[in-house]
N, C-alpha and C. Protein backbone atom coordinates (compact mmCIF):
# COMPACT_ATOMS: atom_id res chain seq x y z
N UNK A 1 -40.52 105.34 89.27
CA UNK A 1 -41.80 105.04 89.84
C UNK A 1 -42.41 103.87 89.11
N UNK A 2 -43.09 103.07 89.88
CA UNK A 2 -43.66 101.84 89.30
C UNK A 2 -44.78 101.32 90.15
N UNK A 3 -45.79 100.74 89.47
CA UNK A 3 -46.87 100.14 90.25
C UNK A 3 -46.51 98.66 90.56
N UNK A 4 -45.36 98.19 90.01
CA UNK A 4 -44.99 96.81 90.25
C UNK A 4 -44.32 96.65 91.60
N UNK A 5 -43.98 97.72 92.27
CA UNK A 5 -43.46 97.62 93.58
C UNK A 5 -41.97 97.79 93.69
N UNK A 6 -41.25 98.12 92.58
CA UNK A 6 -39.82 98.26 92.67
C UNK A 6 -39.37 99.63 93.19
N UNK A 7 -40.30 100.60 93.21
CA UNK A 7 -40.06 101.88 93.83
C UNK A 7 -41.08 102.08 94.94
N UNK A 8 -40.65 102.28 96.16
CA UNK A 8 -41.61 102.37 97.25
C UNK A 8 -42.50 103.62 97.11
N UNK A 9 -43.73 103.47 97.53
CA UNK A 9 -44.64 104.62 97.53
C UNK A 9 -44.43 105.37 98.84
N UNK A 10 -44.90 106.58 98.88
CA UNK A 10 -44.91 107.34 100.10
C UNK A 10 -46.36 107.48 100.55
N UNK A 11 -46.62 107.18 101.79
CA UNK A 11 -47.99 107.23 102.34
C UNK A 11 -48.25 108.61 102.97
N UNK A 12 -49.49 109.07 102.81
CA UNK A 12 -49.92 110.32 103.41
C UNK A 12 -51.25 110.10 104.12
N UNK A 13 -51.39 110.66 105.29
CA UNK A 13 -52.65 110.65 106.00
C UNK A 13 -53.04 112.09 106.37
N UNK A 14 -54.31 112.40 106.41
CA UNK A 14 -54.74 113.72 106.78
C UNK A 14 -56.14 113.64 107.36
N UNK A 15 -56.57 114.67 108.09
CA UNK A 15 -57.85 114.71 108.70
C UNK A 15 -58.57 116.09 108.45
N UNK A 16 -59.89 116.00 108.52
CA UNK A 16 -60.72 117.22 108.40
C UNK A 16 -62.04 116.86 109.09
N UNK A 17 -62.71 117.86 109.60
CA UNK A 17 -64.03 117.65 110.20
C UNK A 17 -65.07 117.49 109.09
N UNK A 18 -66.15 116.82 109.43
CA UNK A 18 -67.33 116.70 108.56
C UNK A 18 -68.52 117.21 109.32
N UNK A 19 -69.21 118.15 108.76
CA UNK A 19 -70.42 118.69 109.42
C UNK A 19 -71.44 117.53 109.52
N UNK A 20 -71.89 117.26 110.74
CA UNK A 20 -72.76 116.09 110.96
C UNK A 20 -73.99 116.07 110.07
N UNK A 21 -74.56 117.23 109.84
CA UNK A 21 -75.77 117.29 108.98
C UNK A 21 -75.45 117.06 107.50
N UNK A 22 -74.14 117.04 107.14
CA UNK A 22 -73.74 116.84 105.75
C UNK A 22 -73.24 115.40 105.49
N UNK A 23 -73.31 114.56 106.51
CA UNK A 23 -72.79 113.18 106.37
C UNK A 23 -73.40 112.46 105.19
N UNK A 24 -74.68 112.40 105.10
CA UNK A 24 -75.35 111.64 104.03
C UNK A 24 -74.99 112.19 102.66
N UNK A 25 -75.00 113.50 102.55
CA UNK A 25 -74.64 114.11 101.24
C UNK A 25 -73.20 113.78 100.87
N UNK A 26 -72.29 113.84 101.83
CA UNK A 26 -70.89 113.56 101.53
C UNK A 26 -70.70 112.07 101.14
N UNK A 27 -71.44 111.18 101.82
CA UNK A 27 -71.40 109.78 101.51
C UNK A 27 -71.88 109.49 100.08
N UNK A 28 -73.00 110.12 99.74
CA UNK A 28 -73.55 109.98 98.38
C UNK A 28 -72.58 110.52 97.32
N UNK A 29 -71.99 111.67 97.59
CA UNK A 29 -71.00 112.22 96.64
C UNK A 29 -69.86 111.26 96.40
N UNK A 30 -69.35 110.68 97.46
CA UNK A 30 -68.17 109.82 97.35
C UNK A 30 -68.51 108.42 96.88
N UNK A 31 -69.75 108.08 96.81
CA UNK A 31 -70.14 106.83 96.20
C UNK A 31 -70.13 106.90 94.66
N UNK A 32 -69.98 108.11 94.17
CA UNK A 32 -69.95 108.32 92.72
C UNK A 32 -69.02 109.50 92.38
N UNK A 33 -67.74 109.36 92.78
CA UNK A 33 -66.78 110.46 92.47
C UNK A 33 -66.69 110.59 90.97
N UNK A 34 -66.63 111.83 90.53
CA UNK A 34 -66.59 112.10 89.06
C UNK A 34 -65.38 111.41 88.45
N UNK A 35 -65.58 110.71 87.33
CA UNK A 35 -64.47 110.02 86.68
C UNK A 35 -63.31 110.90 86.35
N UNK A 36 -63.54 112.11 85.94
CA UNK A 36 -62.39 113.02 85.59
C UNK A 36 -61.57 113.40 86.84
N UNK A 37 -62.20 113.45 87.97
CA UNK A 37 -61.48 113.69 89.22
C UNK A 37 -60.58 112.50 89.51
N UNK A 38 -61.15 111.30 89.37
CA UNK A 38 -60.34 110.10 89.62
C UNK A 38 -59.20 110.00 88.65
N UNK A 39 -59.49 110.36 87.38
CA UNK A 39 -58.42 110.33 86.36
C UNK A 39 -57.27 111.29 86.73
N UNK A 40 -57.64 112.48 87.20
CA UNK A 40 -56.59 113.45 87.59
C UNK A 40 -55.76 112.92 88.73
N UNK A 41 -56.38 112.27 89.70
CA UNK A 41 -55.61 111.67 90.79
C UNK A 41 -54.65 110.63 90.28
N UNK A 42 -55.11 109.77 89.39
CA UNK A 42 -54.27 108.77 88.80
C UNK A 42 -53.08 109.39 88.02
N UNK A 43 -53.38 110.38 87.22
CA UNK A 43 -52.31 111.04 86.45
C UNK A 43 -51.31 111.76 87.36
N UNK A 44 -51.77 112.14 88.56
CA UNK A 44 -50.90 112.79 89.54
C UNK A 44 -50.25 111.76 90.49
N UNK A 45 -50.24 110.54 90.08
CA UNK A 45 -49.54 109.48 90.83
C UNK A 45 -50.08 109.13 92.20
N UNK A 46 -51.36 109.33 92.38
CA UNK A 46 -52.06 108.98 93.65
C UNK A 46 -52.63 107.57 93.46
N UNK A 47 -52.41 106.75 94.45
CA UNK A 47 -52.94 105.38 94.44
C UNK A 47 -53.54 105.08 95.83
N UNK A 48 -54.48 104.15 95.84
CA UNK A 48 -55.09 103.69 97.10
C UNK A 48 -55.63 104.83 97.96
N UNK A 49 -56.21 105.84 97.34
CA UNK A 49 -56.79 106.95 98.06
C UNK A 49 -58.05 106.48 98.76
N UNK A 50 -58.10 106.61 100.06
CA UNK A 50 -59.20 106.09 100.85
C UNK A 50 -59.61 107.17 101.85
N UNK A 51 -60.91 107.34 102.10
CA UNK A 51 -61.40 108.22 103.14
C UNK A 51 -62.25 107.40 104.10
N UNK A 52 -61.97 107.60 105.38
CA UNK A 52 -62.71 106.93 106.48
C UNK A 52 -63.46 107.99 107.25
N UNK A 53 -64.55 107.57 107.90
CA UNK A 53 -65.35 108.47 108.71
C UNK A 53 -65.43 108.00 110.16
N UNK A 54 -65.19 108.91 111.07
CA UNK A 54 -65.36 108.67 112.52
C UNK A 54 -66.64 109.32 112.95
N UNK A 55 -67.68 108.56 113.19
CA UNK A 55 -68.99 109.08 113.52
C UNK A 55 -69.08 109.69 114.92
N UNK A 56 -68.17 109.34 115.79
CA UNK A 56 -68.21 109.89 117.18
C UNK A 56 -67.71 111.33 117.18
N UNK A 57 -66.60 111.56 116.49
CA UNK A 57 -65.99 112.87 116.48
C UNK A 57 -66.29 113.68 115.20
N UNK A 58 -67.00 113.07 114.27
CA UNK A 58 -67.35 113.71 113.00
C UNK A 58 -66.12 114.16 112.23
N UNK A 59 -65.21 113.19 112.12
CA UNK A 59 -63.91 113.47 111.44
C UNK A 59 -63.75 112.53 110.27
N UNK A 60 -63.15 113.07 109.19
CA UNK A 60 -62.74 112.26 108.05
C UNK A 60 -61.21 112.05 108.12
N UNK A 61 -60.80 110.86 107.83
CA UNK A 61 -59.39 110.52 107.78
C UNK A 61 -59.13 110.03 106.34
N UNK A 62 -58.13 110.62 105.70
CA UNK A 62 -57.78 110.18 104.38
C UNK A 62 -56.39 109.56 104.39
N UNK A 63 -56.25 108.56 103.51
CA UNK A 63 -54.96 107.90 103.35
C UNK A 63 -54.74 107.77 101.83
N UNK A 64 -53.53 108.01 101.39
CA UNK A 64 -53.18 107.80 99.99
C UNK A 64 -51.74 107.38 99.92
N UNK A 65 -51.42 106.81 98.78
CA UNK A 65 -50.07 106.43 98.47
C UNK A 65 -49.63 107.17 97.22
N UNK A 66 -48.43 107.76 97.28
CA UNK A 66 -47.89 108.55 96.15
C UNK A 66 -46.76 107.78 95.53
N UNK A 67 -46.84 107.56 94.21
CA UNK A 67 -45.81 106.80 93.51
C UNK A 67 -44.98 107.63 92.59
N UNK A 68 -45.15 108.94 92.57
CA UNK A 68 -44.39 109.80 91.65
C UNK A 68 -43.08 110.24 92.22
N UNK A 69 -42.43 111.19 91.54
CA UNK A 69 -41.15 111.69 91.97
C UNK A 69 -41.17 113.18 92.28
N UNK A 70 -42.28 113.89 91.99
CA UNK A 70 -42.34 115.31 92.29
C UNK A 70 -43.72 115.61 92.88
N UNK A 71 -43.84 115.37 94.21
CA UNK A 71 -45.14 115.52 94.91
C UNK A 71 -45.74 116.90 94.72
N UNK A 72 -44.93 117.95 94.90
CA UNK A 72 -45.46 119.31 94.80
C UNK A 72 -45.98 119.61 93.38
N UNK A 73 -45.29 119.14 92.38
CA UNK A 73 -45.75 119.35 91.01
C UNK A 73 -47.09 118.60 90.77
N UNK A 74 -47.14 117.37 91.24
CA UNK A 74 -48.39 116.59 91.04
C UNK A 74 -49.55 117.18 91.82
N UNK A 75 -49.31 117.71 93.02
CA UNK A 75 -50.38 118.31 93.81
C UNK A 75 -50.84 119.62 93.12
N UNK A 76 -49.89 120.35 92.55
CA UNK A 76 -50.28 121.59 91.83
C UNK A 76 -51.13 121.27 90.63
N UNK A 77 -50.84 120.16 89.94
CA UNK A 77 -51.65 119.74 88.78
C UNK A 77 -53.08 119.44 89.22
N UNK A 78 -53.21 118.85 90.38
CA UNK A 78 -54.57 118.58 90.91
C UNK A 78 -55.26 119.88 91.23
N UNK A 79 -54.59 120.76 91.94
CA UNK A 79 -55.12 122.07 92.34
C UNK A 79 -55.50 122.96 91.15
N UNK A 80 -54.79 122.80 90.04
CA UNK A 80 -55.02 123.65 88.84
C UNK A 80 -56.09 123.04 87.94
N UNK A 81 -56.50 121.83 88.22
CA UNK A 81 -57.46 121.15 87.32
C UNK A 81 -58.86 121.74 87.50
N UNK A 82 -59.49 122.28 86.47
CA UNK A 82 -60.80 122.92 86.63
C UNK A 82 -61.90 121.94 87.10
N UNK A 83 -61.90 120.71 86.68
CA UNK A 83 -62.91 119.73 87.12
C UNK A 83 -62.75 119.40 88.60
N UNK A 84 -61.46 119.27 89.02
CA UNK A 84 -61.23 119.01 90.47
C UNK A 84 -61.67 120.21 91.29
N UNK A 85 -61.45 121.41 90.80
CA UNK A 85 -61.90 122.61 91.54
C UNK A 85 -63.42 122.57 91.68
N UNK A 86 -64.14 122.15 90.62
CA UNK A 86 -65.59 122.07 90.69
C UNK A 86 -66.00 121.01 91.76
N UNK A 87 -65.29 119.89 91.74
CA UNK A 87 -65.55 118.83 92.73
C UNK A 87 -65.34 119.35 94.16
N UNK A 88 -64.24 120.06 94.36
CA UNK A 88 -63.97 120.67 95.67
C UNK A 88 -65.09 121.59 96.11
N UNK A 89 -65.59 122.38 95.12
CA UNK A 89 -66.62 123.35 95.43
C UNK A 89 -67.91 122.63 95.92
N UNK A 90 -68.17 121.45 95.40
CA UNK A 90 -69.33 120.66 95.84
C UNK A 90 -69.07 120.08 97.22
N UNK A 91 -67.86 119.62 97.48
CA UNK A 91 -67.52 118.95 98.75
C UNK A 91 -67.23 119.91 99.91
N UNK A 92 -66.66 121.05 99.64
CA UNK A 92 -66.22 121.97 100.72
C UNK A 92 -67.32 122.34 101.71
N UNK A 93 -68.57 122.57 101.27
CA UNK A 93 -69.59 122.95 102.25
C UNK A 93 -69.86 121.85 103.28
N UNK A 94 -69.46 120.62 102.98
CA UNK A 94 -69.68 119.51 103.90
C UNK A 94 -68.57 119.42 104.95
N UNK A 95 -67.43 119.98 104.60
CA UNK A 95 -66.23 119.81 105.41
C UNK A 95 -66.03 120.99 106.39
N UNK A 96 -65.29 120.69 107.46
CA UNK A 96 -64.96 121.66 108.49
C UNK A 96 -63.52 121.57 108.80
N UNK A 97 -62.65 122.38 108.08
CA UNK A 97 -61.20 122.29 108.34
C UNK A 97 -60.86 122.59 109.79
N UNK A 98 -59.80 121.99 110.30
CA UNK A 98 -59.39 122.20 111.67
C UNK A 98 -58.77 123.56 111.87
N UNK A 99 -58.04 124.03 110.86
CA UNK A 99 -57.36 125.31 110.97
C UNK A 99 -57.27 125.92 109.56
N UNK A 100 -58.06 126.91 109.29
CA UNK A 100 -58.10 127.51 107.95
C UNK A 100 -58.62 128.91 108.03
N UNK A 101 -58.09 129.80 107.20
CA UNK A 101 -58.66 131.15 107.09
C UNK A 101 -58.59 131.55 105.63
N UNK A 102 -59.57 132.35 105.23
CA UNK A 102 -59.64 132.79 103.84
C UNK A 102 -60.55 131.93 103.03
N UNK A 103 -60.54 132.20 101.71
CA UNK A 103 -61.43 131.45 100.80
C UNK A 103 -60.98 129.98 100.70
N UNK A 104 -61.94 129.07 100.38
CA UNK A 104 -61.60 127.69 100.27
C UNK A 104 -60.73 127.36 99.04
N UNK A 105 -60.14 126.19 98.98
CA UNK A 105 -59.23 125.85 97.86
C UNK A 105 -59.90 125.98 96.51
N UNK A 106 -61.23 125.67 96.38
CA UNK A 106 -61.89 125.77 95.08
C UNK A 106 -61.90 127.17 94.53
N UNK A 107 -61.75 128.16 95.45
CA UNK A 107 -61.70 129.54 95.02
C UNK A 107 -60.30 130.12 95.09
N UNK A 108 -59.32 129.21 95.09
CA UNK A 108 -57.92 129.62 95.05
C UNK A 108 -57.33 129.98 96.40
N UNK A 109 -58.05 129.77 97.46
CA UNK A 109 -57.54 130.06 98.79
C UNK A 109 -56.42 129.16 99.19
N UNK A 110 -55.49 129.75 99.92
CA UNK A 110 -54.32 128.99 100.39
C UNK A 110 -54.31 128.81 101.89
N UNK A 111 -55.33 129.33 102.57
CA UNK A 111 -55.41 129.14 104.01
C UNK A 111 -54.33 129.85 104.82
N UNK A 112 -53.68 130.79 104.20
CA UNK A 112 -52.61 131.56 104.88
C UNK A 112 -51.66 130.63 105.64
N UNK A 113 -51.07 129.67 104.88
CA UNK A 113 -50.08 128.77 105.46
C UNK A 113 -50.70 127.52 106.08
N UNK A 114 -52.00 127.42 106.14
CA UNK A 114 -52.65 126.23 106.66
C UNK A 114 -53.09 125.31 105.52
N UNK A 115 -53.56 124.14 105.85
CA UNK A 115 -54.05 123.24 104.82
C UNK A 115 -55.49 122.89 105.10
N UNK A 116 -56.26 122.66 104.04
CA UNK A 116 -57.67 122.34 104.19
C UNK A 116 -57.81 121.04 104.93
N UNK A 117 -57.12 119.98 104.48
CA UNK A 117 -57.01 118.72 105.17
C UNK A 117 -55.73 118.80 106.00
N UNK A 118 -55.77 118.59 107.29
CA UNK A 118 -54.61 118.69 108.17
C UNK A 118 -53.77 117.42 108.02
N UNK A 119 -52.46 117.61 107.62
CA UNK A 119 -51.60 116.46 107.46
C UNK A 119 -51.33 115.78 108.81
N UNK A 120 -51.13 114.46 108.77
CA UNK A 120 -50.82 113.67 109.94
C UNK A 120 -49.41 113.08 109.80
N UNK A 121 -48.76 112.90 110.93
CA UNK A 121 -47.47 112.22 110.95
C UNK A 121 -47.67 110.71 111.01
N UNK A 122 -47.02 110.01 110.15
CA UNK A 122 -47.02 108.56 110.21
C UNK A 122 -46.13 108.08 111.35
N UNK A 123 -46.71 107.35 112.29
CA UNK A 123 -45.94 106.85 113.43
C UNK A 123 -45.55 105.36 113.30
N UNK A 124 -46.30 104.62 112.49
CA UNK A 124 -46.01 103.20 112.35
C UNK A 124 -46.50 102.70 111.00
N UNK A 125 -45.72 101.80 110.45
CA UNK A 125 -46.12 101.01 109.26
C UNK A 125 -45.35 99.69 109.38
N UNK A 126 -46.01 98.60 109.05
CA UNK A 126 -45.38 97.28 109.23
C UNK A 126 -44.37 96.91 108.14
N UNK A 127 -44.20 97.79 107.15
CA UNK A 127 -43.25 97.62 106.07
C UNK A 127 -43.55 96.42 105.16
N UNK A 128 -44.81 96.01 105.12
CA UNK A 128 -45.24 94.98 104.22
C UNK A 128 -46.14 95.55 103.17
N UNK A 129 -45.85 95.23 101.95
CA UNK A 129 -46.74 95.60 100.86
C UNK A 129 -47.88 94.58 100.80
N UNK A 130 -49.06 94.99 100.48
CA UNK A 130 -50.16 94.07 100.32
C UNK A 130 -49.83 93.02 99.23
N UNK A 131 -49.05 93.42 98.24
CA UNK A 131 -48.67 92.54 97.16
C UNK A 131 -47.80 91.36 97.63
N UNK A 132 -47.06 91.55 98.73
CA UNK A 132 -46.19 90.49 99.25
C UNK A 132 -46.94 89.30 99.75
N UNK A 133 -48.23 89.43 99.96
CA UNK A 133 -49.02 88.35 100.55
C UNK A 133 -49.79 87.58 99.50
N UNK A 134 -49.67 87.97 98.25
CA UNK A 134 -50.33 87.22 97.18
C UNK A 134 -49.62 85.94 96.84
């Protein structure tokens, strides 16, 4: 794995609903993400994590690039991190998962086989790294 571009990253996209009345709160939260949450994402090999908002359908779309070699292990490290769990607890009331049952992730819920953020299938990528254009 490398940030220099000699090992390709894997891209992930996912979606979740955002309660319309929670838009401003969610926007304020994400204007100042806790530094220790960002640090955990970096340590877990997450790069270019971005969240977009669709105001017509009240949906959030996330995109990230993973540069590590053991995605499940790195995701477990994020899920086990107490500060990240606190962050999730603050954010979860704003979100509306598409398919979920049981307690939220901050409380150890696993959604009975579902995911809080619904994964998306990548259908197209132009195969160009942003670094190739520098």
